[in-house]
C-alpha atoms as a PDB file:
ATOM      1  CA  MET A   1     107.161  72.346 147.156  1.00  0.00           C
ATOM      2  CA  ASP A   2     106.363  72.796 143.480  1.00  0.00           C
ATOM      3  CA  LEU A   3     108.539  70.734 141.184  1.00  0.00           C
ATOM      4  CA  ASN A   4     106.328  71.799 138.278  1.00  0.00           C
ATOM      5  CA  ALA A   5     107.884  75.267 138.357  1.00  0.00           C
ATOM      6  CA  ILE A   6     111.401  73.948 138.875  1.00  0.00           C
ATOM      7  CA  LEU A   7     111.135  71.427 136.067  1.00  0.00           C
ATOM      8  CA  ALA A   8     109.437  73.651 133.521  1.00  0.00           C
ATOM      9  CA  GLY A   9     110.980  73.334 130.112  1.00  0.00           C
ATOM     10  CA  PRO A  10     111.209  71.135 127.087  1.00  0.00           C
ATOM     11  CA  GLY A  11     112.558  68.133 128.968  1.00  0.00           C
ATOM     12  CA  VAL A  12     113.905  66.738 132.196  1.00  0.00           C
ATOM     13  CA  TYR A  13     116.556  64.082 132.632  1.00  0.00           C
ATOM     14  CA  LEU A  14     115.973  61.663 135.505  1.00  0.00           C
ATOM     15  CA  ASP A  15     119.047  60.352 137.307  1.00  0.00           C
ATOM     16  CA  ALA A  16     119.102  56.816 138.699  1.00  0.00           C
ATOM     17  CA  ASN A  17     118.433  57.902 142.283  1.00  0.00           C
ATOM     18  CA  VAL A  18     115.029  59.299 141.251  1.00  0.00           C
ATOM     19  CA  PHE A  19     113.918  55.791 140.307  1.00  0.00           C
ATOM     20  CA  ILE A  20     115.393  54.296 143.468  1.00  0.00           C
ATOM     21  CA  TYR A  21     113.428  56.749 145.614  1.00  0.00           C
ATOM     22  CA  ALA A  22     110.228  56.164 143.648  1.00  0.00           C
ATOM     23  CA  LEU A  23     110.339  52.370 143.498  1.00  0.00           C
ATOM     24  CA  GLU A  24     111.826  51.659 146.902  1.00  0.00           C
ATOM     25  CA  GLY A  25     109.407  53.870 148.794  1.00  0.00           C
ATOM     26  CA  TYR A  26     111.443  56.766 150.165  1.00  0.00           C
ATOM     27  CA  THR A  27     108.596  58.603 151.897  1.00  0.00           C
ATOM     28  CA  ARG A  28     110.452  61.938 152.010  1.00  0.00           C
ATOM     29  CA  TYR A  29     110.205  62.166 148.213  1.00  0.00           C
ATOM     30  CA  ALA A  30     106.944  60.276 147.632  1.00  0.00           C
ATOM     31  CA  GLY A  31     104.669  63.284 147.074  1.00  0.00           C
ATOM     32  CA  ALA A  32     107.034  65.146 144.765  1.00  0.00           C
ATOM     33  CA  LEU A  33     107.867  62.048 142.725  1.00  0.00           C
ATOM     34  CA  SER A  34     104.219  61.058 142.457  1.00  0.00           C
ATOM     35  CA  THR A  35     103.457  64.502 140.999  1.00  0.00           C
ATOM     36  CA  LEU A  36     106.460  64.274 138.689  1.00  0.00           C
ATOM     37  CA  PHE A  37     105.573  60.835 137.318  1.00  0.00           C
ATOM     38  CA  ASP A  38     101.907  61.838 136.956  1.00  0.00           C
ATOM     39  CA  ARG A  39     103.013  64.750 134.732  1.00  0.00           C
ATOM     40  CA  ILE A  40     105.213  62.422 132.699  1.00  0.00           C
ATOM     41  CA  ASP A  41     102.429  59.827 132.389  1.00  0.00           C
ATOM     42  CA  ARG A  42      99.978  62.496 131.175  1.00  0.00           C
ATOM     43  CA  GLY A  43     102.486  63.679 128.581  1.00  0.00           C
ATOM     44  CA  ASP A  44     102.803  67.118 130.208  1.00  0.00           C
ATOM     45  CA  LEU A  45     106.525  66.695 130.835  1.00  0.00           C
ATOM     46  CA  PRO A  46     108.878  64.907 128.456  1.00  0.00           C
ATOM     47  CA  ALA A  47     111.445  62.945 130.454  1.00  0.00           C
ATOM     48  CA  VAL A  48     114.564  60.994 129.577  1.00  0.00           C
ATOM     49  CA  THR A  49     116.966  58.649 131.279  1.00  0.00           C
ATOM     50  CA  SER A  50     119.823  56.545 129.979  1.00  0.00           C
ATOM     51  CA  GLU A  51     119.959  52.787 129.601  1.00  0.00           C
ATOM     52  CA  LEU A  52     122.851  53.146 132.037  1.00  0.00           C
ATOM     53  CA  THR A  53     120.261  53.909 134.726  1.00  0.00           C
ATOM     54  CA  LEU A  54     118.964  50.340 134.520  1.00  0.00           C
ATOM     55  CA  ALA A  55     122.430  48.935 135.230  1.00  0.00           C
ATOM     56  CA  GLU A  56     122.880  51.302 138.155  1.00  0.00           C
ATOM     57  CA  VAL A  57     119.555  50.613 139.854  1.00  0.00           C
ATOM     58  CA  LEU A  58     119.756  46.821 139.484  1.00  0.00           C
ATOM     59  CA  VAL A  59     123.013  46.298 141.395  1.00  0.00           C
ATOM     60  CA  LYS A  60     121.530  46.236 144.915  1.00  0.00           C
ATOM     61  CA  PRO A  61     118.432  44.169 143.991  1.00  0.00           C
ATOM     62  CA  PHE A  62     120.694  41.590 142.316  1.00  0.00           C
ATOM     63  CA  MET A  63     123.021  41.563 145.343  1.00  0.00           C
ATOM     64  CA  ASN A  64     120.005  40.976 147.598  1.00  0.00           C
ATOM     65  CA  GLY A  65     118.382  38.419 145.295  1.00  0.00           C
ATOM     66  CA  ASP A  66     115.285  40.636 145.152  1.00  0.00           C
ATOM     67  CA  LEU A  67     113.798  39.480 141.847  1.00  0.00           C
ATOM     68  CA  ARG A  68     110.554  41.348 142.538  1.00  0.00           C
ATOM     69  CA  LEU A  69     112.452  44.639 142.645  1.00  0.00           C
ATOM     70  CA  VAL A  70     114.510  43.665 139.577  1.00  0.00           C
ATOM     71  CA  ALA A  71     111.264  43.127 137.667  1.00  0.00           C
ATOM     72  CA  ALA A  72     109.824  46.407 138.965  1.00  0.00           C
ATOM     73  CA  TYR A  73     112.861  48.339 137.707  1.00  0.00           C
ATOM     74  CA  GLU A  74     112.838  46.559 134.363  1.00  0.00           C
ATOM     75  CA  ASN A  75     109.156  47.392 133.980  1.00  0.00           C
ATOM     76  CA  ALA A  76     109.567  51.033 135.028  1.00  0.00           C
ATOM     77  CA  LEU A  77     112.571  51.715 132.803  1.00  0.00           C
ATOM     78  CA  GLN A  78     110.873  51.178 129.477  1.00  0.00           C
ATOM     79  CA  GLN A  79     110.069  53.796 126.911  1.00  0.00           C
ATOM     80  CA  PHE A  80     106.434  54.909 126.998  1.00  0.00           C
ATOM     81  CA  GLY A  81     104.503  58.059 126.153  1.00  0.00           C
ATOM     82  CA  SER A  82     106.630  61.094 126.944  1.00  0.00           C
ATOM     83  CA  PHE A  83     109.291  59.000 128.725  1.00  0.00           C
ATOM     84  CA  LYS A  84     112.352  57.914 126.769  1.00  0.00           C
ATOM     85  CA  VAL A  85     115.146  55.536 127.706  1.00  0.00           C
ATOM     86  CA  ALA A  86     118.069  56.672 125.566  1.00  0.00           C
ATOM     87  CA  PRO A  87     120.709  54.193 124.412  1.00  0.00           C
ATOM     88  CA  VAL A  88     124.369  54.579 125.284  1.00  0.00           C
ATOM     89  CA  THR A  89     125.735  55.244 121.813  1.00  0.00           C
ATOM     90  CA  ARG A  90     129.186  56.011 120.491  1.00  0.00           C
ATOM     91  CA  GLU A  91     128.113  59.672 120.197  1.00  0.00           C
ATOM     92  CA  ILE A  92     127.138  59.713 123.869  1.00  0.00           C
ATOM     93  CA  LEU A  93     130.436  58.124 124.898  1.00  0.00           C
ATOM     94  CA  LEU A  94     132.443  60.669 122.878  1.00  0.00           C
ATOM     95  CA  ARG A  95     130.455  63.507 124.408  1.00  0.00           C
ATOM     96  CA  ALA A  96     130.952  62.004 127.890  1.00  0.00           C
ATOM     97  CA  ALA A  97     134.701  61.836 127.309  1.00  0.00           C
ATOM     98  CA  ARG A  98     134.741  65.528 126.336  1.00  0.00           C
ATOM     99  CA  ILE A  99     132.747  66.389 129.456  1.00  0.00           C
ATOM    100  CA  ARG A 100     135.191  64.426 131.653  1.00  0.00           C
ATOM    101  CA  ALA A 101     138.124  66.186 130.000  1.00  0.00           C
ATOM    102  CA  GLU A 102     136.565  69.525 130.992  1.00  0.00           C
ATOM    103  CA  VAL A 103     135.238  68.482 134.412  1.00  0.00           C
ATOM    104  CA  ARG A 104     137.881  66.086 135.669  1.00  0.00           C
ATOM    105  CA  THR A 105     136.217  65.350 138.999  1.00  0.00           C
ATOM    106  CA  LEU A 106     133.103  63.951 137.298  1.00  0.00           C
ATOM    107  CA  ARG A 107     132.890  60.164 137.260  1.00  0.00           C
ATOM    108  CA  LEU A 108     132.316  58.406 133.921  1.00  0.00           C
ATOM    109  CA  PRO A 109     128.758  57.226 134.728  1.00  0.00           C
ATOM    110  CA  ASP A 110     127.819  60.791 135.696  1.00  0.00           C
ATOM    111  CA  ALA A 111     129.408  62.135 132.508  1.00  0.00           C
ATOM    112  CA  ILE A 112     127.337  59.634 130.506  1.00  0.00           C
ATOM    113  CA  HIS A 113     124.179  60.880 132.226  1.00  0.00           C
ATOM    114  CA  VAL A 114     125.095  64.514 131.499  1.00  0.00           C
ATOM    115  CA  ALA A 115     126.003  63.710 127.886  1.00  0.00           C
ATOM    116  CA  THR A 116     122.703  61.910 127.394  1.00  0.00           C
ATOM    117  CA  ALA A 117     120.750  64.800 128.901  1.00  0.00           C
ATOM    118  CA  GLN A 118     122.529  67.267 126.616  1.00  0.00           C
ATOM    119  CA  ALA A 119     122.065  65.110 123.516  1.00  0.00           C
ATOM    120  CA  GLU A 120     118.353  64.726 124.276  1.00  0.00           C
ATOM    121  CA  GLY A 121     117.856  68.471 124.723  1.00  0.00           C
ATOM    122  CA  CYS A 122     116.976  68.320 128.407  1.00  0.00           C
ATOM    123  CA  VAL A 123     117.227  71.633 130.224  1.00  0.00           C
ATOM    124  CA  THR A 124     117.149  70.061 133.692  1.00  0.00           C
ATOM    125  CA  ILE A 125     118.666  67.027 135.370  1.00  0.00           C
ATOM    126  CA  LEU A 126     116.727  65.873 138.415  1.00  0.00           C
ATOM    127  CA  SER A 127     119.055  64.089 140.799  1.00  0.00           C
ATOM    128  CA  ASN A 128     120.129  63.907 144.384  1.00  0.00           C
ATOM    129  CA  ASP A 129     123.805  63.595 143.546  1.00  0.00           C
ATOM    130  CA  ARG A 130     125.562  66.782 144.642  1.00  0.00           C
ATOM    131  CA  ARG A 131     128.594  65.848 142.530  1.00  0.00           C
ATOM    132  CA  LEU A 132     126.521  66.637 139.435  1.00  0.00           C
ATOM    133  CA  SER A 133     126.083  70.231 140.622  1.00  0.00           C
ATOM    134  CA  ILE A 134     129.481  71.033 139.132  1.00  0.00           C
ATOM    135  CA  VAL A 135     127.884  70.817 135.678  1.00  0.00           C
ATOM    136  CA  SER A 136     126.453  74.052 134.301  1.00  0.00           C
ATOM    137  CA  GLU A 137     124.336  72.618 131.470  1.00  0.00           C
ATOM    138  CA  PRO A 138     121.797  71.228 131.844  1.00  0.00           C
ATOM    139  CA  GLN A 139     120.801  72.772 135.147  1.00  0.00           C
ATOM    140  CA  VAL A 140     121.017  70.232 137.971  1.00  0.00           C
ATOM    141  CA  VAL A 141     118.114  70.278 140.413  1.00  0.00           C
ATOM    142  CA  LEU A 142     118.706  68.402 143.648  1.00  0.00           C
ATOM    143  CA  LEU A 143     115.567  66.728 144.892  1.00  0.00           C
ATOM    144  CA  SER A 144     116.640  67.054 148.529  1.00  0.00           C
ATOM    145  CA  ASP A 145     116.781  70.852 148.168  1.00  0.00           C
ATOM    146  CA  HIS A 146     113.049  70.915 147.349  1.00  0.00           C
ATOM    147  CA  CYS A 147     111.549  68.240 149.624  1.00  0.00           C
END
């Protein structure tokens, strides 16, 4: 499986589940995500996620009292090199509302992710959430379809 070819372009948006798989050791995706994050670390692939991602990934670790995992997520979801954590701004929220008005089955958090990806110029969203596949731009690539 070659995610390099799938994720070619000026930028990729990483959905919350990508970080969950990477940090919580989902072996099915380990090789692909290792390659992906190596490319991001080297600066070969600009990547973006939303600050919303942090709130999404921390729910279960907080419920479980897993402070080690909380710290790991907080450390991973910081801007560095070619990786950006975009703020949830008024512009993003307005764009998300327009997206939800057009795609009524999309949940608000998903619309915020899509709006952020669009605003940041990402051509691809990497996710494992099939509900996002209803969106035409950016292109949604489901990790499970390639691993």
